[in-house]
Amino acid sequence: MGNFILLGIFGGQEMLFVLLIIVLLFGAKKIPDLMRGLGKGVAEYKKAKDDVISEIDKANNEAITKEEKKSE
């Protein structure tokens, strides 16, 4: 059980090792393209998350408005 806790902790040597593996797999010239794609993916995720939150807020506000109209 203790080994599973340590899997989430990355130190300097581990990060360097992961970076080395990425460079070996993809080559140094492909890394900017990979990071650009990753950045676009993160931006799309954030936009989708914000859209969902705004839709939930809109539906919640409409429900509150309907309840207020019923009580009048």
PDB file of N, CA and C in Angstrom:
ATOM      1  N   MET A   1       0.831  -1.192   0.000  1.00  0.00           N
ATOM      2  CA  MET A   1       0.000   0.000   0.000  1.00  0.00           C
ATOM      3  C   MET A   1       0.874   1.254   0.000  1.00  0.00           C
ATOM      4  N   GLY A   2       1.995   1.244   0.696  1.00  0.00           N
ATOM      5  CA  GLY A   2       2.870   2.398   0.753  1.00  0.00           C
ATOM      6  C   GLY A   2       3.508   2.735  -0.577  1.00  0.00           C
ATOM      7  N   ASN A   3       3.722   1.730  -1.418  1.00  0.00           N
ATOM      8  CA  ASN A   3       4.326   1.968  -2.727  1.00  0.00           C
ATOM      9  C   ASN A   3       3.415   2.780  -3.633  1.00  0.00           C
ATOM     10  N   PHE A   4       2.105   2.616  -3.511  1.00  0.00           N
ATOM     11  CA  PHE A   4       1.173   3.351  -4.352  1.00  0.00           C
ATOM     12  C   PHE A   4       1.184   4.839  -4.030  1.00  0.00           C
ATOM     13  N   ILE A   5       1.437   5.188  -2.804  1.00  0.00           N
ATOM     14  CA  ILE A   5       1.482   6.593  -2.411  1.00  0.00           C
ATOM     15  C   ILE A   5       2.675   7.281  -3.063  1.00  0.00           C
ATOM     16  N   LEU A   6       3.780   6.597  -3.187  1.00  0.00           N
ATOM     17  CA  LEU A   6       4.999   7.182  -3.738  1.00  0.00           C
ATOM     18  C   LEU A   6       4.947   7.339  -5.254  1.00  0.00           C
ATOM     19  N   LEU A   7       4.005   6.699  -5.932  1.00  0.00           N
ATOM     20  CA  LEU A   7       3.940   6.808  -7.383  1.00  0.00           C
ATOM     21  C   LEU A   7       3.603   8.219  -7.846  1.00  0.00           C
ATOM     22  N   GLY A   8       2.889   8.989  -7.058  1.00  0.00           N
ATOM     23  CA  GLY A   8       2.487  10.323  -7.462  1.00  0.00           C
ATOM     24  C   GLY A   8       3.533  11.394  -7.211  1.00  0.00           C
ATOM     25  N   ILE A   9       4.628  11.050  -6.594  1.00  0.00           N
ATOM     26  CA  ILE A   9       5.647  12.039  -6.241  1.00  0.00           C
ATOM     27  C   ILE A   9       6.786  11.963  -7.257  1.00  0.00           C
ATOM     28  N   PHE A  10       6.990  13.072  -7.994  1.00  0.00           N
ATOM     29  CA  PHE A  10       8.075  13.141  -8.963  1.00  0.00           C
ATOM     30  C   PHE A  10       9.144  14.093  -8.458  1.00  0.00           C
ATOM     31  N   GLY A  11      10.369  13.632  -8.475  1.00  0.00           N
ATOM     32  CA  GLY A  11      11.490  14.469  -8.116  1.00  0.00           C
ATOM     33  C   GLY A  11      12.207  14.949  -9.364  1.00  0.00           C
ATOM     34  N   GLY A  12      13.326  15.590  -9.171  1.00  0.00           N
ATOM     35  CA  GLY A  12      14.101  16.117 -10.290  1.00  0.00           C
ATOM     36  C   GLY A  12      14.627  15.028 -11.200  1.00  0.00           C
ATOM     37  N   GLN A  13      15.109  13.941 -10.635  1.00  0.00           N
ATOM     38  CA  GLN A  13      15.661  12.856 -11.446  1.00  0.00           C
ATOM     39  C   GLN A  13      14.569  12.184 -12.280  1.00  0.00           C
ATOM     40  N   GLU A  14      13.406  12.000 -11.698  1.00  0.00           N
ATOM     41  CA  GLU A  14      12.304  11.375 -12.434  1.00  0.00           C
ATOM     42  C   GLU A  14      11.856  12.244 -13.589  1.00  0.00           C
ATOM     43  N   MET A  15      11.740  13.546 -13.353  1.00  0.00           N
ATOM     44  CA  MET A  15      11.315  14.460 -14.412  1.00  0.00           C
ATOM     45  C   MET A  15      12.344  14.496 -15.531  1.00  0.00           C
ATOM     46  N   LEU A  16      13.620  14.486 -15.179  1.00  0.00           N
ATOM     47  CA  LEU A  16      14.684  14.456 -16.181  1.00  0.00           C
ATOM     48  C   LEU A  16      14.623  13.168 -17.002  1.00  0.00           C
ATOM     49  N   PHE A  17      14.354  12.061 -16.340  1.00  0.00           N
ATOM     50  CA  PHE A  17      14.234  10.778 -17.023  1.00  0.00           C
ATOM     51  C   PHE A  17      13.052  10.786 -18.002  1.00  0.00           C
ATOM     52  N   VAL A  18      11.915  11.299 -17.579  1.00  0.00           N
ATOM     53  CA  VAL A  18      10.736  11.382 -18.441  1.00  0.00           C
ATOM     54  C   VAL A  18      11.036  12.285 -19.638  1.00  0.00           C
ATOM     55  N   LEU A  19      11.680  13.418 -19.405  1.00  0.00           N
ATOM     56  CA  LEU A  19      12.041  14.325 -20.496  1.00  0.00           C
ATOM     57  C   LEU A  19      12.992  13.645 -21.486  1.00  0.00           C
ATOM     58  N   LEU A  20      13.934  12.900 -20.981  1.00  0.00           N
ATOM     59  CA  LEU A  20      14.868  12.169 -21.844  1.00  0.00           C
ATOM     60  C   LEU A  20      14.135  11.140 -22.696  1.00  0.00           C
ATOM     61  N   ILE A  21      13.206  10.420 -22.118  1.00  0.00           N
ATOM     62  CA  ILE A  21      12.429   9.427 -22.860  1.00  0.00           C
ATOM     63  C   ILE A  21      11.608  10.109 -23.948  1.00  0.00           C
ATOM     64  N   ILE A  22      11.008  11.258 -23.636  1.00  0.00           N
ATOM     65  CA  ILE A  22      10.209  11.988 -24.627  1.00  0.00           C
ATOM     66  C   ILE A  22      11.084  12.438 -25.789  1.00  0.00           C
ATOM     67  N   VAL A  23      12.260  12.946 -25.482  1.00  0.00           N
ATOM     68  CA  VAL A  23      13.177  13.389 -26.543  1.00  0.00           C
ATOM     69  C   VAL A  23      13.606  12.203 -27.397  1.00  0.00           C
ATOM     70  N   LEU A  24      13.870  11.069 -26.770  1.00  0.00           N
ATOM     71  CA  LEU A  24      14.279   9.889 -27.542  1.00  0.00           C
ATOM     72  C   LEU A  24      13.142   9.364 -28.414  1.00  0.00           C
ATOM     73  N   LEU A  25      11.920   9.400 -27.910  1.00  0.00           N
ATOM     74  CA  LEU A  25      10.790   8.879 -28.672  1.00  0.00           C
ATOM     75  C   LEU A  25      10.383   9.784 -29.826  1.00  0.00           C
ATOM     76  N   PHE A  26      10.327  11.071 -29.587  1.00  0.00           N
ATOM     77  CA  PHE A  26       9.770  11.990 -30.567  1.00  0.00           C
ATOM     78  C   PHE A  26      10.806  12.846 -31.276  1.00  0.00           C
ATOM     79  N   GLY A  27      11.955  12.984 -30.717  1.00  0.00           N
ATOM     80  CA  GLY A  27      12.972  13.849 -31.304  1.00  0.00           C
ATOM     81  C   GLY A  27      12.775  15.285 -30.847  1.00  0.00           C
ATOM     82  N   ALA A  28      13.859  16.026 -30.821  1.00  0.00           N
ATOM     83  CA  ALA A  28      13.816  17.397 -30.295  1.00  0.00           C
ATOM     84  C   ALA A  28      12.985  18.324 -31.175  1.00  0.00           C
ATOM     85  N   LYS A  29      12.895  18.037 -32.468  1.00  0.00           N
ATOM     86  CA  LYS A  29      12.154  18.922 -33.373  1.00  0.00           C
ATOM     87  C   LYS A  29      10.646  18.767 -33.228  1.00  0.00           C
ATOM     88  N   LYS A  30      10.176  17.632 -32.748  1.00  0.00           N
ATOM     89  CA  LYS A  30       8.736  17.387 -32.623  1.00  0.00           C
ATOM     90  C   LYS A  30       8.170  17.901 -31.295  1.00  0.00           C
ATOM     91  N   ILE A  31       9.003  18.163 -30.327  1.00  0.00           N
ATOM     92  CA  ILE A  31       8.526  18.564 -28.997  1.00  0.00           C
ATOM     93  C   ILE A  31       7.715  19.860 -29.036  1.00  0.00           C
ATOM     94  N   PRO A  32       8.142  20.906 -29.768  1.00  0.00           N
ATOM     95  CA  PRO A  32       7.301  22.108 -29.811  1.00  0.00           C
ATOM     96  C   PRO A  32       5.906  21.843 -30.374  1.00  0.00           C
ATOM     97  N   ASP A  33       5.827  20.982 -31.389  1.00  0.00           N
ATOM     98  CA  ASP A  33       4.521  20.635 -31.947  1.00  0.00           C
ATOM     99  C   ASP A  33       3.676  19.886 -30.923  1.00  0.00           C
ATOM    100  N   LEU A  34       4.305  18.982 -30.188  1.00  0.00           N
ATOM    101  CA  LEU A  34       3.583  18.241 -29.158  1.00  0.00           C
ATOM    102  C   LEU A  34       3.067  19.173 -28.061  1.00  0.00           C
ATOM    103  N   MET A  35       3.906  20.100 -27.635  1.00  0.00           N
ATOM    104  CA  MET A  35       3.500  21.027 -26.581  1.00  0.00           C
ATOM    105  C   MET A  35       2.401  21.967 -27.076  1.00  0.00           C
ATOM    106  N   ARG A  36       2.479  22.378 -28.335  1.00  0.00           N
ATOM    107  CA  ARG A  36       1.443  23.238 -28.918  1.00  0.00           C
ATOM    108  C   ARG A  36       0.105  22.493 -28.934  1.00  0.00           C
ATOM    109  N   GLY A  37       0.146  21.237 -29.338  1.00  0.00           N
ATOM    110  CA  GLY A  37      -1.068  20.426 -29.344  1.00  0.00           C
ATOM    111  C   GLY A  37      -1.613  20.219 -27.942  1.00  0.00           C
ATOM    112  N   LEU A  38      -0.716  20.016 -26.992  1.00  0.00           N
ATOM    113  CA  LEU A  38      -1.137  19.857 -25.596  1.00  0.00           C
ATOM    114  C   LEU A  38      -1.771  21.141 -25.083  1.00  0.00           C
ATOM    115  N   GLY A  39      -1.186  22.275 -25.423  1.00  0.00           N
ATOM    116  CA  GLY A  39      -1.741  23.563 -25.012  1.00  0.00           C
ATOM    117  C   GLY A  39      -3.118  23.803 -25.599  1.00  0.00           C
ATOM    118  N   LYS A  40      -3.293  23.440 -26.877  1.00  0.00           N
ATOM    119  CA  LYS A  40      -4.612  23.584 -27.500  1.00  0.00           C
ATOM    120  C   LYS A  40      -5.628  22.670 -26.836  1.00  0.00           C
ATOM    121  N   GLY A  41      -5.209  21.479 -26.488  1.00  0.00           N
ATOM    122  CA  GLY A  41      -6.101  20.543 -25.803  1.00  0.00           C
ATOM    123  C   GLY A  41      -6.543  21.072 -24.450  1.00  0.00           C
ATOM    124  N   VAL A  42      -5.603  21.639 -23.709  1.00  0.00           N
ATOM    125  CA  VAL A  42      -5.927  22.205 -22.400  1.00  0.00           C
ATOM    126  C   VAL A  42      -6.871  23.398 -22.562  1.00  0.00           C
ATOM    127  N   ALA A  43      -6.623  24.231 -23.565  1.00  0.00           N
ATOM    128  CA  ALA A  43      -7.487  25.392 -23.809  1.00  0.00           C
ATOM    129  C   ALA A  43      -8.904  24.946 -24.172  1.00  0.00           C
ATOM    130  N   GLU A  44      -9.022  23.913 -25.008  1.00  0.00           N
ATOM    131  CA  GLU A  44     -10.340  23.395 -25.372  1.00  0.00           C
ATOM    132  C   GLU A  44     -11.055  22.822 -24.158  1.00  0.00           C
ATOM    133  N   TYR A  45     -10.309  22.121 -23.312  1.00  0.00           N
ATOM    134  CA  TYR A  45     -10.893  21.562 -22.091  1.00  0.00           C
ATOM    135  C   TYR A  45     -11.430  22.674 -21.194  1.00  0.00           C
ATOM    136  N   LYS A  46     -10.642  23.722 -20.991  1.00  0.00           N
ATOM    137  CA  LYS A  46     -11.078  24.833 -20.146  1.00  0.00           C
ATOM    138  C   LYS A  46     -12.299  25.520 -20.731  1.00  0.00           C
ATOM    139  N   LYS A  47     -12.333  25.700 -22.055  1.00  0.00           N
ATOM    140  CA  LYS A  47     -13.485  26.330 -22.698  1.00  0.00           C
ATOM    141  C   LYS A  47     -14.732  25.474 -22.521  1.00  0.00           C
ATOM    142  N   ALA A  48     -14.600  24.168 -22.714  1.00  0.00           N
ATOM    143  CA  ALA A  48     -15.736  23.267 -22.545  1.00  0.00           C
ATOM    144  C   ALA A  48     -16.220  23.279 -21.100  1.00  0.00           C
ATOM    145  N   LYS A  49     -15.284  23.306 -20.162  1.00  0.00           N
ATOM    146  CA  LYS A  49     -15.646  23.346 -18.744  1.00  0.00           C
ATOM    147  C   LYS A  49     -16.405  24.625 -18.423  1.00  0.00           C
ATOM    148  N   ASP A  50     -15.920  25.743 -18.939  1.00  0.00           N
ATOM    149  CA  ASP A  50     -16.597  27.024 -18.708  1.00  0.00           C
ATOM    150  C   ASP A  50     -17.980  27.049 -19.353  1.00  0.00           C
ATOM    151  N   ASP A  51     -18.110  26.443 -20.537  1.00  0.00           N
ATOM    152  CA  ASP A  51     -19.409  26.370 -21.201  1.00  0.00           C
ATOM    153  C   ASP A  51     -20.403  25.558 -20.373  1.00  0.00           C
ATOM    154  N   VAL A  52     -19.954  24.445 -19.836  1.00  0.00           N
ATOM    155  CA  VAL A  52     -20.825  23.600 -19.017  1.00  0.00           C
ATOM    156  C   VAL A  52     -21.247  24.349 -17.760  1.00  0.00           C
ATOM    157  N   ILE A  53     -20.302  25.028 -17.131  1.00  0.00           N
ATOM    158  CA  ILE A  53     -20.621  25.778 -15.910  1.00  0.00           C
ATOM    159  C   ILE A  53     -21.620  26.884 -16.217  1.00  0.00           C
ATOM    160  N   SER A  54     -21.440  27.588 -17.338  1.00  0.00           N
ATOM    161  CA  SER A  54     -22.368  28.667 -17.677  1.00  0.00           C
ATOM    162  C   SER A  54     -23.757  28.108 -18.006  1.00  0.00           C
ATOM    163  N   GLU A  55     -23.836  26.960 -18.657  1.00  0.00           N
ATOM    164  CA  GLU A  55     -25.130  26.339 -18.945  1.00  0.00           C
ATOM    165  C   GLU A  55     -25.829  25.915 -17.655  1.00  0.00           C
ATOM    166  N   ILE A  56     -25.082  25.379 -16.718  1.00  0.00           N
ATOM    167  CA  ILE A  56     -25.663  24.984 -15.432  1.00  0.00           C
ATOM    168  C   ILE A  56     -26.172  26.208 -14.685  1.00  0.00           C
ATOM    169  N   ASP A  57     -25.378  27.274 -14.679  1.00  0.00           N
ATOM    170  CA  ASP A  57     -25.804  28.512 -14.014  1.00  0.00           C
ATOM    171  C   ASP A  57     -27.046  29.091 -14.678  1.00  0.00           C
ATOM    172  N   LYS A  58     -27.094  29.057 -16.001  1.00  0.00           N
ATOM    173  CA  LYS A  58     -28.246  29.574 -16.737  1.00  0.00           C
ATOM    174  C   LYS A  58     -29.501  28.774 -16.399  1.00  0.00           C
ATOM    175  N   ALA A  59     -29.385  27.444 -16.392  1.00  0.00           N
ATOM    176  CA  ALA A  59     -30.533  26.594 -16.060  1.00  0.00           C
ATOM    177  C   ALA A  59     -30.968  26.815 -14.619  1.00  0.00           C
ATOM    178  N   ASN A  60     -30.015  26.991 -13.729  1.00  0.00           N
ATOM    179  CA  ASN A  60     -30.326  27.236 -12.325  1.00  0.00           C
ATOM    180  C   ASN A  60     -31.049  28.570 -12.162  1.00  0.00           C
ATOM    181  N   ASN A  61     -30.583  29.593 -12.850  1.00  0.00           N
ATOM    182  CA  ASN A  61     -31.227  30.911 -12.775  1.00  0.00           C
ATOM    183  C   ASN A  61     -32.643  30.863 -13.346  1.00  0.00           C
ATOM    184  N   GLU A  62     -32.838  30.115 -14.431  1.00  0.00           N
ATOM    185  CA  GLU A  62     -34.173  29.987 -15.003  1.00  0.00           C
ATOM    186  C   GLU A  62     -35.107  29.260 -14.048  1.00  0.00           C
ATOM    187  N   ALA A  63     -34.606  28.238 -13.370  1.00  0.00           N
ATOM    188  CA  ALA A  63     -35.426  27.501 -12.408  1.00  0.00           C
ATOM    189  C   ALA A  63     -35.808  28.393 -11.236  1.00  0.00           C
ATOM    190  N   ILE A  64     -34.878  29.213 -10.775  1.00  0.00           N
ATOM    191  CA  ILE A  64     -35.170  30.123  -9.674  1.00  0.00           C
ATOM    192  C   ILE A  64     -36.213  31.138 -10.094  1.00  0.00           C
ATOM    193  N   THR A  65     -36.087  31.659 -11.312  1.00  0.00           N
ATOM    194  CA  THR A  65     -37.054  32.621 -11.823  1.00  0.00           C
ATOM    195  C   THR A  65     -38.449  32.008 -11.927  1.00  0.00           C
ATOM    196  N   LYS A  66     -38.539  30.777 -12.401  1.00  0.00           N
ATOM    197  CA  LYS A  66     -39.830  30.102 -12.489  1.00  0.00           C
ATOM    198  C   LYS A  66     -40.439  29.900 -11.098  1.00  0.00           C
ATOM    199  N   GLU A  67     -39.631  29.533 -10.133  1.00  0.00           N
ATOM    200  CA  GLU A  67     -40.116  29.343  -8.767  1.00  0.00           C
ATOM    201  C   GLU A  67     -40.619  30.655  -8.180  1.00  0.00           C
ATOM    202  N   GLU A  68     -39.906  31.761  -8.469  1.00  0.00           N
ATOM    203  CA  GLU A  68     -40.328  33.059  -7.959  1.00  0.00           C
ATOM    204  C   GLU A  68     -41.649  33.492  -8.593  1.00  0.00           C
ATOM    205  N   LYS A  69     -41.826  33.203  -9.861  1.00  0.00           N
ATOM    206  CA  LYS A  69     -43.082  33.560 -10.546  1.00  0.00           C
ATOM    207  C   LYS A  69     -44.254  32.741 -10.016  1.00  0.00           C
ATOM    208  N   LYS A  70     -44.006  31.471  -9.679  1.00  0.00           N
ATOM    209  CA  LYS A  70     -45.053  30.622  -9.129  1.00  0.00           C
ATOM    210  C   LYS A  70     -45.510  31.102  -7.760  1.00  0.00           C
ATOM    211  N   SER A  71     -44.572  31.591  -6.976  1.00  0.00           N
ATOM    212  CA  SER A  71     -44.905  32.002  -5.617  1.00  0.00           C
ATOM    213  C   SER A  71     -45.598  33.366  -5.574  1.00  0.00           C
ATOM    214  N   GLU A  72     -45.604  34.094  -6.654  1.00  0.00           N
ATOM    215  CA  GLU A  72     -46.232  35.425  -6.670  1.00  0.00           C
ATOM    216  C   GLU A  72     -47.709  35.346  -6.878  1.00  0.00           C
TER     217      GLU A  72
END
